[in-house]
């Protein structure tokens, strides 16, 4: 597979956050096959596993990528789309659902998700827990994945609650067992 940016360099295999991906040794761009970006994100920061961004949610926002980047797998133009409501723009293939990230964008995505997770848990406790609890029964992921997502939210909530309300935490811990 050829790099969508350099268009001459062949992509090489690498392991990123426990996920095998392809990368360009010249521009350091990353190619994620379908679902690999989510897997790498979940492994990079396990507390973010419950926070998923559906890149295919709003296809009317897709536009042909700058510089006419081509899918390394299917050799068709990639579509550029904003990653959630972040400033990061990723490139997607409409055929294989692969994702191209330019150098540094994976790090930017993780930073964006960490900030978004803090905001969601900090300001929307009950809604976040309820949504993740409901997904245990409704999906979209497998039951095990949804339970792990729910537990991750509860863990983050526990840390946030402890930091925001230390007296309440102290009171709960002092209750008889």
C-alpha atoms as a PDB file:
ATOM      1  CA  UNK A   1       0.000   0.000   0.000  1.00  0.00           C
ATOM      2  CA  UNK A   2       1.249   3.481  -0.860  1.00  0.00           C
ATOM      3  CA  UNK A   3       1.120   6.504   1.437  1.00  0.00           C
ATOM      4  CA  UNK A   4      -1.851   8.822   0.684  1.00  0.00           C
ATOM      5  CA  UNK A   5       0.337  11.882   1.347  1.00  0.00           C
ATOM      6  CA  UNK A   6       3.761  10.988  -0.096  1.00  0.00           C
ATOM      7  CA  UNK A   7       2.207   8.738  -2.766  1.00  0.00           C
ATOM      8  CA  UNK A   8       5.561   7.073  -3.383  1.00  0.00           C
ATOM      9  CA  UNK A   9       6.482   5.521  -0.044  1.00  0.00           C
ATOM     10  CA  UNK A  10       5.128   2.126   0.832  1.00  0.00           C
ATOM     11  CA  UNK A  11       3.395   1.821   4.182  1.00  0.00           C
ATOM     12  CA  UNK A  12       5.051  -0.344   6.817  1.00  0.00           C
ATOM     13  CA  UNK A  13       3.513  -2.304   9.688  1.00  0.00           C
ATOM     14  CA  UNK A  14       3.774  -1.116  13.289  1.00  0.00           C
ATOM     15  CA  UNK A  15       2.079  -1.677  16.635  1.00  0.00           C
ATOM     16  CA  UNK A  16       0.357   1.373  18.132  1.00  0.00           C
ATOM     17  CA  UNK A  17      -1.343   0.946  21.510  1.00  0.00           C
ATOM     18  CA  UNK A  18      -1.579  -2.816  21.011  1.00  0.00           C
ATOM     19  CA  UNK A  19      -3.073  -2.491  17.509  1.00  0.00           C
ATOM     20  CA  UNK A  20      -1.294  -3.403  14.293  1.00  0.00           C
ATOM     21  CA  UNK A  21      -1.512  -0.488  11.886  1.00  0.00           C
ATOM     22  CA  UNK A  22       0.285   0.756   8.787  1.00  0.00           C
ATOM     23  CA  UNK A  23       2.417   3.904   8.792  1.00  0.00           C
ATOM     24  CA  UNK A  24       4.504   5.945   6.389  1.00  0.00           C
ATOM     25  CA  UNK A  25       8.210   6.010   7.346  1.00  0.00           C
ATOM     26  CA  UNK A  26       8.600   9.360   5.561  1.00  0.00           C
ATOM     27  CA  UNK A  27       5.679  11.552   6.778  1.00  0.00           C
ATOM     28  CA  UNK A  28       4.696   9.409   9.811  1.00  0.00           C
ATOM     29  CA  UNK A  29       1.040   9.295   8.813  1.00  0.00           C
ATOM     30  CA  UNK A  30      -1.022   6.381  10.164  1.00  0.00           C
ATOM     31  CA  UNK A  31      -3.454   4.075   8.347  1.00  0.00           C
ATOM     32  CA  UNK A  32      -6.112   2.348  10.450  1.00  0.00           C
ATOM     33  CA  UNK A  33      -8.260  -0.329   8.893  1.00  0.00           C
ATOM     34  CA  UNK A  34     -11.918  -0.466   9.940  1.00  0.00           C
ATOM     35  CA  UNK A  35     -12.307  -0.374  13.770  1.00  0.00           C
ATOM     36  CA  UNK A  36      -8.529  -0.209  14.391  1.00  0.00           C
ATOM     37  CA  UNK A  37      -8.676   3.475  15.375  1.00  0.00           C
ATOM     38  CA  UNK A  38     -11.246   2.696  18.078  1.00  0.00           C
ATOM     39  CA  UNK A  39      -9.191  -0.287  19.285  1.00  0.00           C
ATOM     40  CA  UNK A  40      -6.003   1.793  19.499  1.00  0.00           C
ATOM     41  CA  UNK A  41      -7.855   4.611  21.287  1.00  0.00           C
ATOM     42  CA  UNK A  42      -9.318   2.145  23.803  1.00  0.00           C
ATOM     43  CA  UNK A  43      -5.889   0.643  24.505  1.00  0.00           C
ATOM     44  CA  UNK A  44      -4.079   3.982  24.680  1.00  0.00           C
ATOM     45  CA  UNK A  45      -6.358   5.238  27.470  1.00  0.00           C
ATOM     46  CA  UNK A  46      -8.698   2.632  28.931  1.00  0.00           C
ATOM     47  CA  UNK A  47     -10.723   5.303  30.725  1.00  0.00           C
ATOM     48  CA  UNK A  48     -11.843   6.528  27.266  1.00  0.00           C
ATOM     49  CA  UNK A  49     -13.237   3.219  26.061  1.00  0.00           C
ATOM     50  CA  UNK A  50     -16.828   4.355  26.707  1.00  0.00           C
ATOM     51  CA  UNK A  51     -16.412   7.491  24.595  1.00  0.00           C
ATOM     52  CA  UNK A  52     -16.854   6.604  20.935  1.00  0.00           C
ATOM     53  CA  UNK A  53     -17.074   8.994  17.993  1.00  0.00           C
ATOM     54  CA  UNK A  54     -19.071   7.829  14.971  1.00  0.00           C
ATOM     55  CA  UNK A  55     -17.136   9.230  12.029  1.00  0.00           C
ATOM     56  CA  UNK A  56     -19.854   8.088   9.592  1.00  0.00           C
ATOM     57  CA  UNK A  57     -22.670   9.821  11.487  1.00  0.00           C
ATOM     58  CA  UNK A  58     -23.087  12.829   9.208  1.00  0.00           C
ATOM     59  CA  UNK A  59     -21.929  12.078   5.656  1.00  0.00           C
ATOM     60  CA  UNK A  60     -23.130  15.479   4.410  1.00  0.00           C
ATOM     61  CA  UNK A  61     -20.057  16.967   6.145  1.00  0.00           C
ATOM     62  CA  UNK A  62     -17.672  14.835   4.074  1.00  0.00           C
ATOM     63  CA  UNK A  63     -15.535  16.546   1.475  1.00  0.00           C
ATOM     64  CA  UNK A  64     -12.784  15.277  -0.783  1.00  0.00           C
ATOM     65  CA  UNK A  65      -9.489  15.537   1.116  1.00  0.00           C
ATOM     66  CA  UNK A  66      -7.030  18.327   0.389  1.00  0.00           C
ATOM     67  CA  UNK A  67      -4.297  17.288  -1.994  1.00  0.00           C
ATOM     68  CA  UNK A  68      -6.416  14.467  -3.376  1.00  0.00           C
ATOM     69  CA  UNK A  69      -5.327  11.827  -0.894  1.00  0.00           C
ATOM     70  CA  UNK A  70      -6.038   8.333  -2.164  1.00  0.00           C
ATOM     71  CA  UNK A  71      -7.008   5.330  -0.059  1.00  0.00           C
ATOM     72  CA  UNK A  72      -3.912   3.138   0.212  1.00  0.00           C
ATOM     73  CA  UNK A  73      -6.073   0.038   0.008  1.00  0.00           C
ATOM     74  CA  UNK A  74      -8.738   0.883  -2.596  1.00  0.00           C
ATOM     75  CA  UNK A  75      -6.998   3.717  -4.521  1.00  0.00           C
ATOM     76  CA  UNK A  76     -10.052   5.996  -4.458  1.00  0.00           C
ATOM     77  CA  UNK A  77     -10.150   9.578  -3.088  1.00  0.00           C
ATOM     78  CA  UNK A  78     -10.410   9.840   0.691  1.00  0.00           C
ATOM     79  CA  UNK A  79     -13.056  11.992   2.345  1.00  0.00           C
ATOM     80  CA  UNK A  80     -12.059  14.525   4.968  1.00  0.00           C
ATOM     81  CA  UNK A  81     -14.252  14.766   8.053  1.00  0.00           C
ATOM     82  CA  UNK A  82     -13.947  16.460  11.413  1.00  0.00           C
ATOM     83  CA  UNK A  83     -13.343  14.077  14.336  1.00  0.00           C
ATOM     84  CA  UNK A  84     -16.438  14.708  16.471  1.00  0.00           C
ATOM     85  CA  UNK A  85     -16.538  18.393  17.380  1.00  0.00           C
ATOM     86  CA  UNK A  86     -12.744  18.639  17.591  1.00  0.00           C
ATOM     87  CA  UNK A  87     -10.454  20.579  15.262  1.00  0.00           C
ATOM     88  CA  UNK A  88      -8.841  17.336  14.061  1.00  0.00           C
ATOM     89  CA  UNK A  89      -9.706  16.414  10.484  1.00  0.00           C
ATOM     90  CA  UNK A  90      -9.282  12.771   9.531  1.00  0.00           C
ATOM     91  CA  UNK A  91      -9.464  11.128   6.128  1.00  0.00           C
ATOM     92  CA  UNK A  92     -11.881   8.251   5.504  1.00  0.00           C
ATOM     93  CA  UNK A  93     -12.387   5.683   2.764  1.00  0.00           C
ATOM     94  CA  UNK A  94     -16.019   5.114   1.835  1.00  0.00           C
ATOM     95  CA  UNK A  95     -15.273   1.593   0.576  1.00  0.00           C
ATOM     96  CA  UNK A  96     -13.088  -0.110   3.221  1.00  0.00           C
ATOM     97  CA  UNK A  97     -13.919   2.342   6.073  1.00  0.00           C
ATOM     98  CA  UNK A  98     -10.220   2.839   6.744  1.00  0.00           C
ATOM     99  CA  UNK A  99      -8.973   6.031   8.411  1.00  0.00           C
ATOM    100  CA  UNK A 100      -5.843   8.046   7.608  1.00  0.00           C
ATOM    101  CA  UNK A 101      -4.317  10.282  10.284  1.00  0.00           C
ATOM    102  CA  UNK A 102      -1.580  12.747   9.490  1.00  0.00           C
ATOM    103  CA  UNK A 103       1.408  12.997  11.827  1.00  0.00           C
ATOM    104  CA  UNK A 104       0.365  13.943  15.379  1.00  0.00           C
ATOM    105  CA  UNK A 105      -3.373  13.561  14.846  1.00  0.00           C
ATOM    106  CA  UNK A 106      -3.652  10.393  16.957  1.00  0.00           C
ATOM    107  CA  UNK A 107      -2.149  12.290  19.893  1.00  0.00           C
ATOM    108  CA  UNK A 108      -4.534  15.195  19.212  1.00  0.00           C
ATOM    109  CA  UNK A 109      -7.516  12.813  19.161  1.00  0.00           C
ATOM    110  CA  UNK A 110      -6.537  11.297  22.518  1.00  0.00           C
ATOM    111  CA  UNK A 111      -6.133  14.778  24.054  1.00  0.00           C
ATOM    112  CA  UNK A 112      -9.524  15.849  22.643  1.00  0.00           C
ATOM    113  CA  UNK A 113     -11.229  12.712  23.995  1.00  0.00           C
ATOM    114  CA  UNK A 114      -9.657  13.136  27.443  1.00  0.00           C
ATOM    115  CA  UNK A 115     -10.964  16.694  27.626  1.00  0.00           C
ATOM    116  CA  UNK A 116     -14.390  15.659  26.313  1.00  0.00           C
ATOM    117  CA  UNK A 117     -14.589  12.767  28.801  1.00  0.00           C
ATOM    118  CA  UNK A 118     -13.772  15.068  31.709  1.00  0.00           C
ATOM    119  CA  UNK A 119     -16.457  17.499  30.610  1.00  0.00           C
ATOM    120  CA  UNK A 120     -19.087  14.794  30.077  1.00  0.00           C
ATOM    121  CA  UNK A 121     -18.461  13.112  33.413  1.00  0.00           C
ATOM    122  CA  UNK A 122     -18.023  16.362  35.298  1.00  0.00           C
ATOM    123  CA  UNK A 123     -21.176  18.062  34.057  1.00  0.00           C
ATOM    124  CA  UNK A 124     -23.452  15.218  32.984  1.00  0.00           C
ATOM    125  CA  UNK A 125     -23.016  12.535  35.668  1.00  0.00           C
ATOM    126  CA  UNK A 126     -26.407  10.919  35.517  1.00  0.00           C
ATOM    127  CA  UNK A 127     -26.919  11.214  31.771  1.00  0.00           C
ATOM    128  CA  UNK A 128     -23.532   9.633  31.020  1.00  0.00           C
ATOM    129  CA  UNK A 129     -24.041   6.752  33.457  1.00  0.00           C
ATOM    130  CA  UNK A 130     -27.629   6.200  32.223  1.00  0.00           C
ATOM    131  CA  UNK A 131     -26.551   6.213  28.561  1.00  0.00           C
ATOM    132  CA  UNK A 132     -23.757   3.708  29.169  1.00  0.00           C
ATOM    133  CA  UNK A 133     -26.067   1.561  31.324  1.00  0.00           C
ATOM    134  CA  UNK A 134     -28.692   1.510  28.576  1.00  0.00           C
ATOM    135  CA  UNK A 135     -26.077   0.524  25.983  1.00  0.00           C
ATOM    136  CA  UNK A 136     -25.473  -2.690  27.928  1.00  0.00           C
ATOM    137  CA  UNK A 137     -28.902  -3.796  26.705  1.00  0.00           C
ATOM    138  CA  UNK A 138     -29.139  -1.960  23.396  1.00  0.00           C
ATOM    139  CA  UNK A 139     -25.590  -2.054  21.977  1.00  0.00           C
ATOM    140  CA  UNK A 140     -24.116  -1.103  19.526  1.00  0.00           C
ATOM    141  CA  UNK A 141     -21.099  -3.139  20.722  1.00  0.00           C
ATOM    142  CA  UNK A 142     -20.989  -6.666  22.119  1.00  0.00           C
ATOM    143  CA  UNK A 143     -22.287  -7.141  25.689  1.00  0.00           C
ATOM    144  CA  UNK A 144     -18.796  -7.562  27.159  1.00  0.00           C
ATOM    145  CA  UNK A 145     -17.587  -4.329  25.513  1.00  0.00           C
ATOM    146  CA  UNK A 146     -20.634  -2.400  26.739  1.00  0.00           C
ATOM    147  CA  UNK A 147     -20.183  -3.665  30.319  1.00  0.00           C
ATOM    148  CA  UNK A 148     -16.514  -2.638  30.211  1.00  0.00           C
ATOM    149  CA  UNK A 149     -17.552   0.795  28.899  1.00  0.00           C
ATOM    150  CA  UNK A 150     -20.062   1.163  31.766  1.00  0.00           C
ATOM    151  CA  UNK A 151     -17.455   0.173  34.350  1.00  0.00           C
ATOM    152  CA  UNK A 152     -14.974   2.661  32.868  1.00  0.00           C
ATOM    153  CA  UNK A 153     -17.550   5.452  33.232  1.00  0.00           C
ATOM    154  CA  UNK A 154     -18.235   4.462  36.837  1.00  0.00           C
ATOM    155  CA  UNK A 155     -14.504   4.492  37.610  1.00  0.00           C
ATOM    156  CA  UNK A 156     -14.025   7.951  36.101  1.00  0.00           C
ATOM    157  CA  UNK A 157     -17.151   9.141  37.919  1.00  0.00           C
ATOM    158  CA  UNK A 158     -15.764   7.821  41.200  1.00  0.00           C
ATOM    159  CA  UNK A 159     -12.520   9.778  40.714  1.00  0.00           C
ATOM    160  CA  UNK A 160     -14.321  12.963  39.692  1.00  0.00           C
ATOM    161  CA  UNK A 161     -16.820  12.736  42.545  1.00  0.00           C
ATOM    162  CA  UNK A 162     -13.997  12.198  45.020  1.00  0.00           C
ATOM    163  CA  UNK A 163     -12.104  15.197  43.705  1.00  0.00           C
ATOM    164  CA  UNK A 164     -15.145  17.478  43.646  1.00  0.00           C
ATOM    165  CA  UNK A 165     -16.744  16.403  46.923  1.00  0.00           C
ATOM    166  CA  UNK A 166     -14.071  15.112  49.311  1.00  0.00           C
ATOM    167  CA  UNK A 167     -16.350  15.442  52.361  1.00  0.00           C
ATOM    168  CA  UNK A 168     -19.041  13.323  50.728  1.00  0.00           C
ATOM    169  CA  UNK A 169     -16.434  10.725  49.797  1.00  0.00           C
ATOM    170  CA  UNK A 170     -15.086  10.707  53.349  1.00  0.00           C
ATOM    171  CA  UNK A 171     -18.622  10.246  54.693  1.00  0.00           C
ATOM    172  CA  UNK A 172     -19.331   7.333  52.337  1.00  0.00           C
ATOM    173  CA  UNK A 173     -16.054   5.639  53.234  1.00  0.00           C
ATOM    174  CA  UNK A 174     -16.799   5.988  56.953  1.00  0.00           C
ATOM    175  CA  UNK A 175     -20.116   4.138  56.686  1.00  0.00           C
ATOM    176  CA  UNK A 176     -20.148   0.706  58.344  1.00  0.00           C
ATOM    177  CA  UNK A 177     -19.597  -2.193  55.979  1.00  0.00           C
END
